[in-house]
């Protein structure tokens, strides 16, 4: 199934720092035309345990941005983190095949939420802007053969919800309500809005 890509063209005039190891987020920023460098944060994602999935996503995004901002001198840092929630409970990022299969079995035939927290930090002036985007994703029922084949591909390892919608995981998706780029890992419309707001603070527009 093909989904509408809500990629928002870059409007921010300066160079950015992306505090993330995610290749998917890098590609989204490149496709939108942003000028940026990457600093990989050293944040263990299991050190925060808020009960609210949205709070968790925002907290991890802020922790990544702040940690990167402390290591460099740069006017603006982007931190982001994506979590998947089913019935209000956070679904982890699998590191082993058995975990990936268990997660996909739980999500099979359900509607879950993909939540990406985004945080902008301006270390020179101390400003911080933060938000989270939520997309509802419905997966069709998956057969045991489909689960086994996808798990063997390794595509879902390390990814929220154990699938990559921008690769082959899209064939499992029946419906998306909200931002497609949010499911990929960085909600581009919300990012542009946060950057517009930060630009006004920095340049006094």
Foldseek 3Di string as FASTA:
>chain_A
DDDDAPQAADDFDDEEEEADPDPLVVVSCVVNPHHYYYDHADDDLPPDDDLAPQVSFQVQQVVSQVRVVVVDQDFKYKGKDKWKADPSGTQDAAQALVSLLVLLQVQEQHKIKIKMKMKMAGSVVGDIDIDMFIKIWGFYHDDPVRSVVLSVVVQQHRHHSSHACVPPRVVRTDDMGGHPSSNNTDRNVVVNVVSVVVCCVVVVD
